[in-house]
Amino acid sequence: QVQLVESGGGLVQPGGSLRLSCAASGSSIRTMGWYRQAPGKERELVAAITSGFSTNYADSVKGRFTISRDNAKNTVYLQMNSLKPDDTAVYYCYAEVAVITLLYDYWGQGTQVTVSS
């Protein structure tokens, strides 16, 4: 069983920065990343990073957010700069775990990010 523990959410003014962290227990972790869900909206992918450090970003965050990971610590980070009110959402960490030939997704509990003056 893989557990994900998130930290780093909070309240920030527009234009500010936050850094989210997510530590995963277990092994054989492949892609890690972040989704977010705002009230009344569907959950959307924010950014993802493979174990080989290839990255993928939503168009809405490109140039503002940076995803990184420390494979030795099974930890993924999301540096969020130039935050906008539209970035307000619950951010969920996920990890893709390989079990023999299958891949399973595990999720964190979510951390609230609020961008407001």
Protein backbone atom coordinates (compact mmCIF):
# COMPACT_ATOMS: atom_id res chain seq x y z
CA GLN A 1 0.00 0.00 0.00
CA VAL A 2 1.35 3.39 -1.02
CA GLN A 3 0.57 6.48 1.02
CA LEU A 4 1.02 10.04 -0.17
CA VAL A 5 1.46 12.91 2.28
CA GLU A 6 1.06 16.43 0.93
CA SER A 7 2.10 19.73 2.42
CA GLY A 8 2.54 23.36 1.47
CA GLY A 9 -0.91 24.68 0.63
CA GLY A 10 -2.35 27.87 2.04
CA LEU A 11 -3.53 31.38 1.36
CA VAL A 12 -1.47 33.66 -0.87
CA GLN A 13 -2.03 36.97 -2.58
CA PRO A 14 -2.19 37.23 -6.36
CA GLY A 15 1.31 37.27 -7.80
CA GLY A 16 2.67 35.32 -4.87
CA SER A 17 4.29 31.91 -4.68
CA LEU A 18 3.74 28.60 -2.96
CA ARG A 19 5.58 25.30 -2.98
CA LEU A 20 3.72 22.04 -2.62
CA SER A 21 5.41 18.82 -1.56
CA CYS A 22 4.22 15.24 -1.69
CA ALA A 23 6.10 12.34 -0.14
CA ALA A 24 5.22 8.80 -1.17
CA SER A 25 5.89 5.64 0.76
CA GLY A 26 6.66 2.43 -1.05
CA SER A 27 8.66 1.64 -4.16
CA SER A 28 8.33 1.12 -7.92
CA ILE A 29 6.91 4.61 -8.31
CA ARG A 30 6.72 5.75 -11.86
CA THR A 31 5.01 9.01 -12.83
CA MET A 32 4.12 11.48 -10.08
CA GLY A 33 2.15 14.65 -10.42
CA TRP A 34 -0.53 17.06 -9.36
CA TYR A 35 -4.16 17.51 -10.24
CA ARG A 36 -6.43 20.24 -8.99
CA GLN A 37 -10.14 20.70 -8.58
CA ALA A 38 -11.87 24.01 -8.14
CA PRO A 39 -15.45 24.29 -6.84
CA GLY A 40 -17.93 23.32 -9.53
CA LYS A 41 -15.21 22.22 -11.93
CA GLU A 42 -13.77 18.88 -12.98
CA ARG A 43 -10.43 17.68 -11.69
CA GLU A 44 -7.69 18.66 -14.11
CA LEU A 45 -4.05 17.74 -14.56
CA VAL A 46 -1.68 20.49 -13.49
CA ALA A 47 1.71 18.87 -14.02
CA ALA A 48 3.33 15.47 -14.12
CA ILE A 49 6.88 14.13 -14.06
CA THR A 50 8.16 10.69 -14.92
CA SER A 51 10.84 8.79 -13.06
CA GLY A 52 13.13 9.83 -15.90
CA PHE A 53 12.26 13.50 -15.24
CA SER A 54 10.19 14.14 -18.35
CA THR A 55 7.56 16.75 -17.54
CA ASN A 56 4.11 17.71 -18.75
CA TYR A 57 2.15 20.85 -17.85
CA ALA A 58 -1.33 22.20 -18.35
CA ASP A 59 -1.28 25.15 -20.73
CA SER A 60 -2.72 27.38 -18.01
CA VAL A 61 0.33 26.94 -15.77
CA LYS A 62 3.18 26.78 -18.26
CA GLY A 63 5.86 29.31 -17.44
CA ARG A 64 4.53 29.82 -13.91
CA PHE A 65 4.65 26.37 -12.29
CA THR A 66 7.60 23.99 -12.10
CA ILE A 67 7.37 20.34 -11.13
CA SER A 68 10.37 18.44 -9.83
CA ARG A 69 11.09 15.26 -7.94
CA ASP A 70 13.64 13.58 -5.73
CA ASN A 71 13.60 9.89 -6.59
CA ALA A 72 15.71 8.99 -3.56
CA LYS A 73 13.02 10.46 -1.32
CA ASN A 74 10.02 9.51 -3.49
CA THR A 75 8.97 13.13 -3.24
CA VAL A 76 7.47 15.41 -5.85
CA TYR A 77 7.38 19.19 -5.63
CA LEU A 78 5.29 21.85 -7.34
CA GLN A 79 6.73 25.35 -7.30
CA MET A 80 3.93 27.77 -8.10
CA ASN A 81 4.84 31.34 -9.01
CA SER A 82 2.81 34.30 -10.25
CA LEU A 83 -0.30 32.78 -8.74
CA LYS A 84 -3.69 33.93 -9.94
CA PRO A 85 -7.14 33.71 -8.36
CA ASP A 86 -7.99 31.09 -11.02
CA ASP A 87 -5.36 28.83 -9.45
CA THR A 88 -7.52 28.52 -6.35
CA ALA A 89 -8.37 24.85 -5.91
CA VAL A 90 -7.71 21.72 -3.92
CA TYR A 91 -4.47 20.25 -5.22
CA TYR A 92 -4.08 16.48 -5.23
CA CYS A 93 -0.83 14.63 -5.52
CA TYR A 94 -0.79 11.31 -7.33
CA ALA A 95 1.70 8.55 -7.92
CA GLU A 96 1.67 5.78 -10.50
CA VAL A 97 2.98 2.58 -8.98
CA ALA A 98 4.11 -0.49 -10.87
CA VAL A 99 3.03 -3.86 -9.50
CA ILE A 100 4.50 -6.62 -11.67
CA THR A 101 3.02 -5.72 -15.09
CA LEU A 102 0.24 -3.45 -13.89
CA LEU A 103 0.13 0.24 -12.99
CA TYR A 104 -1.96 1.59 -10.12
CA ASP A 105 -2.72 5.20 -9.23
CA TYR A 106 -2.57 6.41 -5.65
CA TRP A 107 -3.80 9.77 -4.42
CA GLY A 108 -3.06 12.16 -1.61
CA GLN A 109 -5.72 13.69 0.60
CA GLY A 110 -5.55 17.08 -1.11
CA THR A 111 -4.27 20.44 0.01
CA GLN A 112 -6.13 23.73 -0.37
CA VAL A 113 -4.53 26.55 -2.32
CA THR A 114 -6.34 29.88 -2.15
CA VAL A 115 -5.18 32.89 -4.13
CA SER A 116 -6.92 36.01 -2.93
CA SER A 117 -6.21 39.56 -1.87
